[in-house]
Amino acid sequence: MQAVDKQPLYESRSSASGAIFGILSQMLDEFERNLGTSQKDEIKSKEDFEALQAAKADSIDTGKAKLDAMQSEDAANAKALSDAKEDLELTRAQRSADVEFLRNLRVTCQNLDRDWEARSKTRSQEILAVSEALEIITGDDNREMLYKSTSFLQASVGTEMQMRRNNAVASLRTAAKSPSFDADDLLDAWHSRSTSLVAGPRAHLSTLAVTVQLDSFTKVKAAMDKMVADLKKEQQEEADLKAFCTKEFNQNDKETYDNTEQKEDLEAKMEELEALIKKLGEEIADNQKQVSETQLGVKKASQARESQNAEFQITVSDQRATQTILTKALDRLKAFYKKAEGGGASLAQQVQTPPVQFNKLKKNAGASPVIGMIQQIVEDSKATEAEAISTEREAQANYETFVKDSNNLVAQLSDSVTEKTKSISGSKTEAEDANSDHIATLEELELLSQHKAELHGQCDFVLSNFDIRQKARLQEIEAIGEAKAILSGAK
């Protein structure tokens, strides 16, 4: 186009831009195919990432909720552990005191049983001797002989003294026949004796009646006083025994109730610890499953990131290679279409009308659109490269954030598994302690049951017949008092 008049006329020849158009068309097709594939891969990667992000967000929310619940349970378990340890110390101290008290009580009861047997045996022997003497004295032949000798001795004493003696004897014998003394046989039933010996107020009063007939008033009154003192002592001993039995029964019932409550509490605690251990085991398995899933997700994300980075490297390399090629082609075209003289002419002058009209040069056709298209392709390639770099940086940042969050979640879950494992170990230890305390409580209940059976054997008779025996002794004391009053001159 810039040819001058003196420039030789060249022959027309076909333009060489057809090959460029072919190459560019082929490159365009390849770029479009690569772009479509990259867009599809990018959409799929984006969808996979969003799904993974949603799943991990749900897992994080679930983990936080479980963490809050576990922290609440941990606080409750810590308080329950503290209370249980305090109750354990108190229970062990109380049990030691109760065992010591039971041992002392058994020794005391054994001594009381031996003393009671010895006293009962002595009393039985005494009553037997008195009864035999009474039978000898009250026999028909002996009684007549005693009446004769007694009347002879009483002749020197006087009629008034004889009347007092007879009245006292009559009063004692009348009192001995009272139906209130039918409870005499209760003592025999208490000790399971088979003897037919009468050992009660009747025997005492009959013995006094004979003594009144045979002995002087001074000795009789002394015997009466001694008998009254013995009866009052027996009354007090029996009252003390009743109080002791009542106290022991109440104490036994209280300890039985307390140990039963403790047994039920220990059983409930054992069931609670068993449920807690089972729950912690399930939560540990769930946490370990989450750890495995999270680690698998990180592994898949790493593989996807490697694949995306490889695609990025290829894309950038291809785009830069394309830019290099197209830049060289553009430079070649610009160099070809420059003015032959001077380098200041712009490419826009390519379309100006020359001063002399030549035949149409085919090589100039479409030169400016080609250069513009090549420049546009280069700009698009640079934009594609910049977008790929930006996308790669964003993907890398998201990947690093995901890996960091996943590692934090794995660390939290691992710490949770460790804490729960420790909790399971502590709960098992606590369950073993509770089981030991449960066995000790059952043994304590068995000892209390045995002690209660012993108390029933020792105290049932006294508690059932206490009022009857107390009343009988009071009547016996009153009869002795009346006889003594008669001997002292009362009417």
Protein backbone atom coordinates (compact mmCIF):
# COMPACT_ATOMS: atom_id res chain seq x y z
CA MET A 1 0.00 0.00 0.00
CA GLN A 2 2.89 2.33 0.59
CA ALA A 3 4.39 1.70 -2.85
CA VAL A 4 5.67 4.73 -4.79
CA ASP A 5 5.69 5.42 -8.47
CA LYS A 6 9.26 4.22 -8.99
CA GLN A 7 8.73 1.03 -7.04
CA PRO A 8 8.62 -2.00 -9.31
CA LEU A 9 5.32 -3.64 -9.76
CA TYR A 10 5.16 -7.04 -8.11
CA GLU A 11 3.06 -9.83 -9.31
CA SER A 12 -0.13 -10.71 -7.42
CA ARG A 13 0.07 -13.71 -5.15
CA SER A 14 -2.29 -15.35 -2.78
CA SER A 15 -2.32 -14.25 0.85
CA ALA A 16 -0.46 -16.40 3.41
CA SER A 17 -3.00 -15.62 6.13
CA GLY A 18 -5.02 -18.75 5.34
CA ALA A 19 -2.62 -20.92 7.30
CA ILE A 20 -2.81 -18.52 10.22
CA PHE A 21 -6.58 -18.67 10.10
CA GLY A 22 -6.40 -22.43 10.10
CA ILE A 23 -4.05 -22.49 13.05
CA LEU A 24 -6.06 -19.93 14.88
CA SER A 25 -9.29 -21.76 14.15
CA GLN A 26 -7.77 -25.00 15.40
CA MET A 27 -6.45 -23.22 18.49
CA LEU A 28 -9.84 -21.65 19.05
CA ASP A 29 -11.52 -25.02 18.88
CA GLU A 30 -8.99 -26.48 21.28
CA PHE A 31 -9.39 -23.50 23.61
CA GLU A 32 -13.17 -23.82 23.53
CA ARG A 33 -12.97 -27.55 24.24
CA ASN A 34 -10.48 -27.00 27.06
CA LEU A 35 -12.57 -24.15 28.38
CA GLY A 36 -15.72 -26.30 28.39
CA THR A 37 -13.90 -29.16 30.11
CA SER A 38 -12.36 -26.78 32.65
CA GLN A 39 -15.73 -25.16 33.33
CA LYS A 40 -17.40 -28.56 33.84
CA ASP A 41 -14.58 -29.70 36.12
CA GLU A 42 -14.73 -26.44 38.01
CA ILE A 43 -18.52 -26.71 38.47
CA LYS A 44 -18.18 -30.29 39.67
CA SER A 45 -15.34 -29.35 42.04
CA LYS A 46 -17.39 -26.45 43.33
CA GLU A 47 -20.40 -28.69 43.94
CA ASP A 48 -18.24 -31.30 45.69
CA PHE A 49 -16.64 -28.60 47.81
CA GLU A 50 -20.00 -27.08 48.79
CA ALA A 51 -21.37 -30.53 49.70
CA LEU A 52 -18.26 -31.30 51.74
CA GLN A 53 -18.43 -27.86 53.37
CA ALA A 54 -22.10 -28.39 54.32
CA ALA A 55 -21.36 -31.86 55.69
CA LYS A 56 -18.46 -30.58 57.77
CA ALA A 57 -20.55 -27.66 59.04
CA ASP A 58 -23.21 -30.14 60.17
CA SER A 59 -20.54 -32.29 61.80
CA ILE A 60 -19.13 -29.24 63.61
CA ASP A 61 -22.58 -28.21 64.87
CA THR A 62 -23.28 -31.76 66.02
CA GLY A 63 -19.88 -31.96 67.71
CA LYS A 64 -20.45 -28.65 69.51
CA ALA A 65 -23.87 -29.81 70.75
CA LYS A 66 -22.40 -33.09 71.95
CA LEU A 67 -19.51 -31.22 73.58
CA ASP A 68 -21.94 -29.00 75.52
CA ALA A 69 -23.94 -32.05 76.63
CA MET A 70 -20.78 -33.89 77.64
CA GLN A 71 -19.51 -30.90 79.60
CA SER A 72 -22.82 -30.78 81.49
CA GLU A 73 -22.63 -34.50 82.15
CA ASP A 74 -19.01 -34.15 83.24
CA ALA A 75 -19.97 -31.49 85.79
CA ALA A 76 -22.84 -33.65 87.07
CA ASN A 77 -20.56 -36.69 87.25
CA ALA A 78 -17.91 -34.71 89.13
CA LYS A 79 -20.49 -33.57 91.69
CA ALA A 80 -21.91 -37.10 91.99
CA LEU A 81 -18.37 -38.45 92.48
CA SER A 82 -17.65 -35.93 95.23
CA ASP A 83 -20.94 -36.71 97.00
CA ALA A 84 -20.39 -40.44 96.65
CA LYS A 85 -16.87 -40.23 98.09
CA GLU A 86 -18.16 -38.23 101.04
CA ASP A 87 -20.98 -40.73 101.60
CA LEU A 88 -18.49 -43.57 101.32
CA GLU A 89 -16.26 -42.14 104.05
CA LEU A 90 -19.26 -41.52 106.34
CA THR A 91 -20.66 -44.98 105.66
CA ARG A 92 -17.34 -46.69 106.33
CA ALA A 93 -16.90 -44.79 109.60
CA GLN A 94 -20.45 -45.63 110.64
CA ARG A 95 -19.97 -49.27 109.69
CA SER A 96 -16.79 -49.53 111.74
CA ALA A 97 -18.57 -48.02 114.75
CA ASP A 98 -21.56 -50.33 114.25
CA VAL A 99 -19.36 -53.42 113.97
CA GLU A 100 -17.53 -52.47 117.17
CA PHE A 101 -20.83 -51.81 118.93
CA LEU A 102 -22.22 -55.14 117.73
CA ARG A 103 -19.15 -56.97 118.99
CA ASN A 104 -19.42 -55.33 122.42
CA LEU A 105 -23.15 -55.98 122.45
CA ARG A 106 -22.68 -59.67 121.74
CA VAL A 107 -20.13 -59.97 124.53
CA THR A 108 -22.50 -58.15 126.91
CA CYS A 109 -25.47 -60.27 125.90
CA GLN A 110 -23.47 -63.46 126.32
CA ASN A 111 -22.46 -62.35 129.81
CA LEU A 112 -26.07 -61.49 130.62
CA ASP A 113 -27.22 -64.87 129.34
CA ARG A 114 -24.65 -66.67 131.53
CA ASP A 115 -25.57 -64.55 134.57
CA TRP A 116 -29.26 -65.14 133.95
CA GLU A 117 -28.77 -68.89 133.63
CA ALA A 118 -26.69 -68.97 136.81
CA ARG A 119 -29.27 -66.89 138.73
CA SER A 120 -32.13 -68.96 137.38
CA LYS A 121 -30.36 -72.17 138.32
CA THR A 122 -29.64 -70.89 141.86
CA ARG A 123 -33.20 -69.63 142.23
CA SER A 124 -34.58 -72.96 141.03
CA GLN A 125 -32.45 -74.85 143.49
CA GLU A 126 -33.52 -72.50 146.28
CA ILE A 127 -37.18 -72.84 145.36
CA LEU A 128 -36.80 -76.61 145.15
CA ALA A 129 -35.30 -76.74 148.65
CA VAL A 130 -37.99 -74.45 150.07
CA SER A 131 -40.73 -76.45 148.37
CA GLU A 132 -39.36 -79.73 149.70
CA ALA A 133 -39.12 -78.22 153.18
CA LEU A 134 -42.67 -76.92 152.79
CA GLU A 135 -43.91 -80.36 151.80
CA ILE A 136 -42.14 -81.87 154.79
CA ILE A 137 -43.58 -79.29 157.19
CA THR A 138 -47.08 -79.29 155.75
CA GLY A 139 -47.39 -83.09 155.70
CA ASP A 140 -50.27 -84.47 157.75
CA ASP A 141 -48.20 -86.19 160.47
CA ASN A 142 -45.53 -83.49 160.65
CA ARG A 143 -48.08 -80.71 160.67
CA GLU A 144 -49.91 -82.16 163.69
CA MET A 145 -46.60 -82.58 165.50
CA LEU A 146 -45.63 -78.99 164.69
CA TYR A 147 -48.99 -77.68 165.82
CA LYS A 148 -48.48 -79.36 169.19
CA SER A 149 -44.94 -78.11 169.63
CA THR A 150 -45.79 -74.67 168.25
CA SER A 151 -48.75 -74.29 170.58
CA PHE A 152 -46.50 -75.26 173.48
CA LEU A 153 -43.92 -72.65 172.48
CA GLN A 154 -46.56 -70.03 171.90
CA ALA A 155 -47.98 -70.53 175.37
CA SER A 156 -45.15 -68.47 176.72
CA VAL A 157 -45.55 -65.79 174.11
CA GLY A 158 -49.15 -64.99 174.66
CA THR A 159 -52.45 -65.12 172.93
CA GLU A 160 -52.04 -61.78 171.14
CA MET A 161 -48.78 -62.85 169.55
CA GLN A 162 -50.34 -66.12 168.39
CA MET A 163 -53.24 -64.27 166.82
CA ARG A 164 -50.88 -61.99 164.94
CA ARG A 165 -48.92 -64.97 163.71
CA ASN A 166 -52.07 -66.81 162.62
CA ASN A 167 -53.44 -63.69 160.88
CA ALA A 168 -50.18 -63.16 159.02
CA VAL A 169 -50.11 -66.81 157.96
CA ALA A 170 -53.70 -66.60 156.80
CA SER A 171 -53.01 -63.40 154.88
CA LEU A 172 -49.98 -64.90 153.17
CA ARG A 173 -51.82 -68.11 152.25
CA THR A 174 -54.81 -66.13 150.97
CA ALA A 175 -52.52 -63.98 148.84
CA ALA A 176 -50.75 -67.09 147.52
CA LYS A 177 -54.10 -68.45 146.28
CA SER A 178 -54.79 -65.30 144.25
CA PRO A 179 -55.52 -66.03 140.55
CA SER A 180 -53.23 -63.14 139.61
CA PHE A 181 -50.28 -65.45 140.17
CA ASP A 182 -51.30 -67.79 137.33
CA ALA A 183 -48.44 -66.24 135.36
CA ASP A 184 -45.93 -68.23 137.44
CA ASP A 185 -45.57 -70.78 134.69
CA LEU A 186 -44.48 -68.12 132.17
CA LEU A 187 -40.93 -68.19 133.48
CA ASP A 188 -40.80 -71.95 132.88
CA ALA A 189 -42.01 -71.42 129.31
CA TRP A 190 -39.40 -68.69 128.81
CA HIS A 191 -36.52 -71.06 129.66
CA SER A 192 -38.26 -74.07 128.04
CA ARG A 193 -38.17 -76.11 131.22
CA SER A 194 -40.19 -79.32 131.65
CA THR A 195 -40.18 -79.35 135.45
CA SER A 196 -43.44 -79.15 137.38
CA LEU A 197 -41.79 -77.09 140.11
CA VAL A 198 -43.66 -73.95 141.15
CA ALA A 199 -41.19 -71.09 141.13
CA GLY A 200 -43.03 -67.83 141.59
CA PRO A 201 -44.92 -65.60 144.04
CA ARG A 202 -47.00 -68.52 145.34
CA ALA A 203 -43.89 -70.39 146.41
CA HIS A 204 -42.45 -67.25 148.01
CA LEU A 205 -45.63 -66.50 149.94
CA SER A 206 -46.10 -70.11 151.03
CA THR A 207 -42.52 -70.18 152.27
CA LEU A 208 -43.14 -67.00 154.24
CA ALA A 209 -46.31 -68.47 155.72
CA VAL A 210 -44.42 -71.47 157.05
CA THR A 211 -41.61 -69.21 158.25
CA VAL A 212 -44.15 -67.06 160.12
CA GLN A 213 -45.45 -70.15 161.86
CA LEU A 214 -42.03 -71.41 162.86
CA ASP A 215 -39.72 -68.41 163.26
CA SER A 216 -39.67 -65.35 165.48
CA PHE A 217 -41.05 -62.04 164.21
CA THR A 218 -37.63 -60.41 163.97
CA LYS A 219 -36.24 -62.99 161.60
CA VAL A 220 -39.51 -63.13 159.69
CA LYS A 221 -39.57 -59.37 159.22
CA ALA A 222 -35.95 -59.44 158.12
CA ALA A 223 -36.76 -62.20 155.65
CA MET A 224 -39.73 -60.19 154.45
CA ASP A 225 -37.61 -57.10 154.00
CA LYS A 226 -35.00 -59.10 152.13
CA MET A 227 -37.62 -60.69 149.92
CA VAL A 228 -39.21 -57.31 149.19
CA ALA A 229 -35.76 -55.89 148.34
CA ASP A 230 -35.07 -58.86 146.04
CA LEU A 231 -38.44 -58.45 144.36
CA LYS A 232 -37.85 -54.73 143.82
CA LYS A 233 -34.41 -55.51 142.45
CA GLU A 234 -35.93 -58.05 140.07
CA GLN A 235 -38.53 -55.46 139.08
CA GLN A 236 -35.78 -52.95 138.27
CA GLU A 237 -33.66 -55.52 136.44
CA GLU A 238 -36.63 -56.56 134.34
CA ALA A 239 -37.49 -52.91 133.64
CA ASP A 240 -33.86 -52.29 132.63
CA LEU A 241 -33.94 -55.36 130.41
CA LYS A 242 -37.11 -54.14 128.75
CA ALA A 243 -35.58 -50.70 128.15
CA PHE A 244 -32.45 -52.34 126.78
CA CYS A 245 -34.47 -54.59 124.47
CA THR A 246 -36.61 -51.70 123.28
CA LYS A 247 -33.53 -49.59 122.62
CA GLU A 248 -31.78 -52.41 120.78
CA PHE A 249 -34.83 -53.18 118.65
CA ASN A 250 -35.17 -49.50 117.72
CA GLN A 251 -31.46 -49.22 116.99
CA ASN A 252 -31.58 -52.43 114.93
CA ASP A 253 -34.59 -51.17 112.95
CA LYS A 254 -32.88 -47.82 112.34
CA GLU A 255 -29.63 -49.42 111.19
CA THR A 256 -31.55 -51.89 109.05
CA TYR A 257 -33.46 -49.02 107.44
CA ASP A 258 -30.28 -47.00 106.87
CA ASN A 259 -28.42 -49.96 105.39
CA THR A 260 -31.41 -50.86 103.21
CA GLU A 261 -31.52 -47.29 101.92
CA GLN A 262 -27.77 -47.41 101.32
CA LYS A 263 -28.11 -50.74 99.50
CA GLU A 264 -30.79 -49.30 97.22
CA ASP A 265 -28.71 -46.17 96.62
CA LEU A 266 -25.66 -48.28 95.78
CA GLU A 267 -27.71 -50.43 93.41
CA ALA A 268 -29.07 -47.30 91.71
CA LYS A 269 -25.56 -45.86 91.53
CA MET A 270 -24.21 -49.09 90.02
CA GLU A 271 -26.94 -49.04 87.38
CA GLU A 272 -26.25 -45.35 86.68
CA LEU A 273 -22.51 -45.98 86.32
CA GLU A 274 -23.15 -48.94 84.05
CA ALA A 275 -25.40 -46.80 81.84
CA LEU A 276 -22.79 -44.01 81.87
CA ILE A 277 -20.02 -46.40 80.85
CA LYS A 278 -22.17 -47.73 78.02
CA LYS A 279 -23.07 -44.21 76.87
CA LEU A 280 -19.43 -43.04 76.99
CA GLY A 281 -18.40 -46.11 75.01
CA GLU A 282 -20.98 -45.30 72.33
CA GLU A 283 -19.85 -41.67 72.24
CA ILE A 284 -16.19 -42.73 71.95
CA ALA A 285 -17.11 -44.98 69.01
CA ASP A 286 -19.04 -42.10 67.42
CA ASN A 287 -16.11 -39.70 67.94
CA GLN A 288 -13.66 -42.20 66.48
CA LYS A 289 -15.98 -42.62 63.49
CA GLN A 290 -16.07 -38.83 63.04
CA VAL A 291 -12.27 -38.72 63.25
CA SER A 292 -12.01 -41.38 60.54
CA GLU A 293 -14.53 -39.59 58.34
CA THR A 294 -12.79 -36.25 58.84
CA GLN A 295 -9.37 -37.72 58.04
CA LEU A 296 -10.85 -39.40 54.95
CA GLY A 297 -12.39 -36.05 53.93
CA VAL A 298 -8.99 -34.34 54.33
CA LYS A 299 -7.39 -37.06 52.25
CA LYS A 300 -9.99 -36.68 49.49
CA ALA A 301 -9.67 -32.88 49.64
CA SER A 302 -5.87 -33.22 49.33
CA GLN A 303 -6.24 -35.45 46.30
CA ALA A 304 -8.75 -33.06 44.75
CA ARG A 305 -6.43 -30.13 45.51
CA GLU A 306 -3.51 -31.90 43.87
CA SER A 307 -5.65 -32.59 40.81
CA GLN A 308 -6.88 -28.98 40.69
CA ASN A 309 -3.33 -27.67 41.10
CA ALA A 310 -2.10 -29.92 38.30
CA GLU A 311 -4.89 -28.63 36.07
CA PHE A 312 -3.98 -25.10 37.10
CA GLN A 313 -0.34 -25.64 36.21
CA ILE A 314 -1.33 -27.04 32.84
CA THR A 315 -3.78 -24.19 32.21
CA VAL A 316 -1.27 -21.50 33.14
CA SER A 317 1.45 -23.20 31.13
CA ASP A 318 -0.85 -23.55 28.13
CA GLN A 319 -2.04 -19.95 28.38
CA ARG A 320 1.49 -18.59 28.71
CA ALA A 321 2.66 -20.72 25.80
CA THR A 322 -0.29 -19.46 23.79
CA GLN A 323 0.55 -15.89 24.73
CA THR A 324 4.16 -16.41 23.66
CA ILE A 325 3.17 -17.94 20.35
CA LEU A 326 0.53 -15.33 19.60
CA THR A 327 2.86 -12.52 20.65
CA LYS A 328 5.51 -13.76 18.26
CA ALA A 329 2.89 -14.05 15.49
CA LEU A 330 1.63 -10.57 16.27
CA ASP A 331 5.13 -9.15 16.20
CA ARG A 332 5.75 -10.87 12.87
CA LEU A 333 2.57 -9.44 11.40
CA LYS A 334 3.33 -5.99 12.72
CA ALA A 335 6.84 -6.16 11.28
CA PHE A 336 5.46 -7.26 7.90
CA TYR A 337 2.91 -4.52 7.68
CA LYS A 338 5.16 -1.69 8.78
CA LYS A 339 6.06 0.99 6.38
CA ALA A 340 9.16 0.26 4.49
CA GLU A 341 10.68 3.56 5.43
CA GLY A 342 10.54 5.03 8.89
CA GLY A 343 9.05 3.29 11.83
CA GLY A 344 6.67 6.02 12.90
CA ALA A 345 3.66 4.93 10.84
CA SER A 346 0.92 3.43 12.85
CA LEU A 347 -0.98 0.32 12.03
CA ALA A 348 -4.02 2.43 11.48
CA GLN A 349 -2.36 3.74 8.26
CA GLN A 350 -2.72 0.32 6.74
CA VAL A 351 -6.24 1.15 5.71
CA GLN A 352 -5.44 4.58 4.22
CA THR A 353 -5.75 5.14 0.47
CA PRO A 354 -2.33 5.31 -1.30
CA PRO A 355 -1.54 8.18 -3.63
CA VAL A 356 -1.39 5.77 -6.57
CA GLN A 357 -3.94 3.10 -7.05
CA PHE A 358 -2.59 -0.43 -7.46
CA ASN A 359 -4.20 -3.62 -8.08
CA LYS A 360 -5.74 -5.16 -4.99
CA LEU A 361 -3.20 -7.04 -2.91
CA LYS A 362 -4.76 -10.15 -1.44
CA LYS A 363 -2.17 -10.35 1.34
CA ASN A 364 -3.56 -7.13 2.86
CA ALA A 365 -7.09 -8.46 3.10
CA GLY A 366 -8.08 -9.02 6.68
CA ALA A 367 -4.70 -8.10 8.06
CA SER A 368 -6.07 -5.57 10.58
CA PRO A 369 -8.87 -7.87 11.89
CA VAL A 370 -6.35 -10.69 12.31
CA ILE A 371 -4.05 -8.51 14.33
CA GLY A 372 -6.96 -7.30 16.41
CA MET A 373 -8.21 -10.86 16.91
CA ILE A 374 -4.73 -12.02 17.90
CA GLN A 375 -4.47 -9.16 20.36
CA GLN A 376 -7.91 -10.03 21.71
CA ILE A 377 -6.87 -13.69 22.07
CA VAL A 378 -3.74 -12.63 23.91
CA GLU A 379 -5.78 -10.44 26.26
CA ASP A 380 -8.27 -13.22 26.81
CA SER A 381 -5.42 -15.63 27.51
CA LYS A 382 -3.95 -13.22 30.04
CA ALA A 383 -7.38 -12.78 31.62
CA THR A 384 -7.77 -16.58 31.71
CA GLU A 385 -4.35 -16.89 33.32
CA ALA A 386 -5.17 -14.20 35.90
CA GLU A 387 -8.51 -15.85 36.65
CA ALA A 388 -6.84 -19.26 36.98
CA ILE A 389 -4.27 -17.79 39.38
CA SER A 390 -6.98 -16.09 41.43
CA THR A 391 -9.07 -19.26 41.49
CA GLU A 392 -6.01 -21.30 42.49
CA ARG A 393 -5.21 -18.94 45.35
CA GLU A 394 -8.80 -19.01 46.57
CA ALA A 395 -8.96 -22.82 46.28
CA GLN A 396 -5.63 -23.13 48.12
CA ALA A 397 -6.85 -20.79 50.88
CA ASN A 398 -10.11 -22.73 51.21
CA TYR A 399 -8.17 -26.00 51.26
CA GLU A 400 -5.83 -24.74 53.97
CA THR A 401 -8.79 -23.47 56.02
CA PHE A 402 -10.56 -26.79 55.57
CA VAL A 403 -7.47 -28.76 56.58
CA LYS A 404 -6.93 -26.50 59.60
CA ASP A 405 -10.55 -26.82 60.72
CA SER A 406 -10.47 -30.58 60.15
CA ASN A 407 -7.26 -30.92 62.15
CA ASN A 408 -8.78 -28.86 64.97
CA LEU A 409 -11.90 -31.03 64.88
CA VAL A 410 -9.77 -34.20 64.93
CA ALA A 411 -7.77 -32.81 67.87
CA GLN A 412 -10.97 -31.94 69.74
CA LEU A 413 -12.47 -35.35 69.06
CA SER A 414 -9.21 -37.04 70.11
CA ASP A 415 -9.15 -35.03 73.34
CA SER A 416 -12.80 -35.93 73.88
CA VAL A 417 -12.00 -39.62 73.36
CA THR A 418 -9.13 -39.36 75.85
CA GLU A 419 -11.31 -37.63 78.45
CA LYS A 420 -14.13 -40.11 77.96
CA THR A 421 -11.69 -43.00 78.24
CA LYS A 422 -10.49 -41.55 81.55
CA SER A 423 -14.11 -41.11 82.61
CA ILE A 424 -14.84 -44.75 81.76
CA SER A 425 -11.80 -45.85 83.80
CA GLY A 426 -12.89 -43.70 86.75
CA SER A 427 -16.48 -44.92 86.44
CA LYS A 428 -15.31 -48.54 86.42
CA THR A 429 -13.24 -47.90 89.55
CA GLU A 430 -16.20 -46.19 91.17
CA ALA A 431 -18.46 -49.07 90.12
CA GLU A 432 -16.05 -51.57 91.73
CA ASP A 433 -16.04 -49.50 94.94
CA ALA A 434 -19.83 -49.35 94.87
CA ASN A 435 -19.99 -53.12 94.34
CA SER A 436 -17.66 -53.67 97.32
CA ASP A 437 -19.78 -51.35 99.46
CA HIS A 438 -22.90 -53.18 98.26
CA ILE A 439 -21.45 -56.52 99.36
CA ALA A 440 -20.42 -55.02 102.72
CA THR A 441 -23.92 -53.56 103.15
CA LEU A 442 -25.52 -56.94 102.43
CA GLU A 443 -23.23 -58.52 105.03
CA GLU A 444 -24.17 -55.79 107.49
CA LEU A 445 -27.88 -56.43 106.84
CA GLU A 446 -27.30 -60.14 107.44
CA LEU A 447 -25.57 -59.38 110.76
CA LEU A 448 -28.42 -57.07 111.74
CA SER A 449 -30.93 -59.79 110.89
CA GLN A 450 -29.04 -62.31 113.03
CA HIS A 451 -28.79 -59.83 115.87
CA LYS A 452 -32.51 -59.15 115.65
CA ALA A 453 -33.23 -62.88 115.83
CA GLU A 454 -31.04 -63.10 118.95
CA LEU A 455 -32.90 -60.14 120.46
CA HIS A 456 -36.21 -61.85 119.81
CA GLY A 457 -34.98 -64.96 121.59
CA GLN A 458 -33.78 -62.89 124.53
CA CYS A 459 -36.49 -60.26 124.78
CA ASP A 460 -39.77 -61.55 123.37
CA PHE A 461 -40.85 -63.17 126.64
CA VAL A 462 -40.01 -60.11 128.74
CA LEU A 463 -41.70 -57.69 126.33
CA SER A 464 -44.81 -59.87 125.95
CA ASN A 465 -45.30 -60.54 129.70
CA PHE A 466 -43.71 -57.47 131.21
CA ASP A 467 -46.94 -55.96 132.56
CA ILE A 468 -48.17 -59.29 133.93
CA ARG A 469 -44.91 -60.04 135.73
CA GLN A 470 -44.60 -56.51 137.09
CA LYS A 471 -48.16 -56.65 138.40
CA ALA A 472 -47.59 -60.08 139.98
CA ARG A 473 -44.48 -58.86 141.79
CA LEU A 474 -46.30 -55.77 143.04
CA GLN A 475 -49.09 -57.95 144.42
CA GLU A 476 -46.50 -60.18 146.03
CA ILE A 477 -44.81 -57.15 147.61
CA GLU A 478 -48.19 -55.87 148.83
CA ALA A 479 -49.04 -59.27 150.36
CA ILE A 480 -45.70 -59.40 152.15
CA GLY A 481 -46.26 -55.85 153.34
CA GLU A 482 -49.69 -56.73 154.70
CA ALA A 483 -48.30 -59.79 156.51
CA LYS A 484 -45.51 -57.69 157.97
CA ALA A 485 -48.01 -55.08 159.07
CA ILE A 486 -50.10 -57.75 160.78
CA LEU A 487 -47.03 -59.04 162.58
CA SER A 488 -46.29 -55.48 163.64
CA GLY A 489 -49.68 -55.11 165.25
CA ALA A 490 -51.92 -53.84 162.50
CA LYS A 491 -55.52 -55.08 162.40
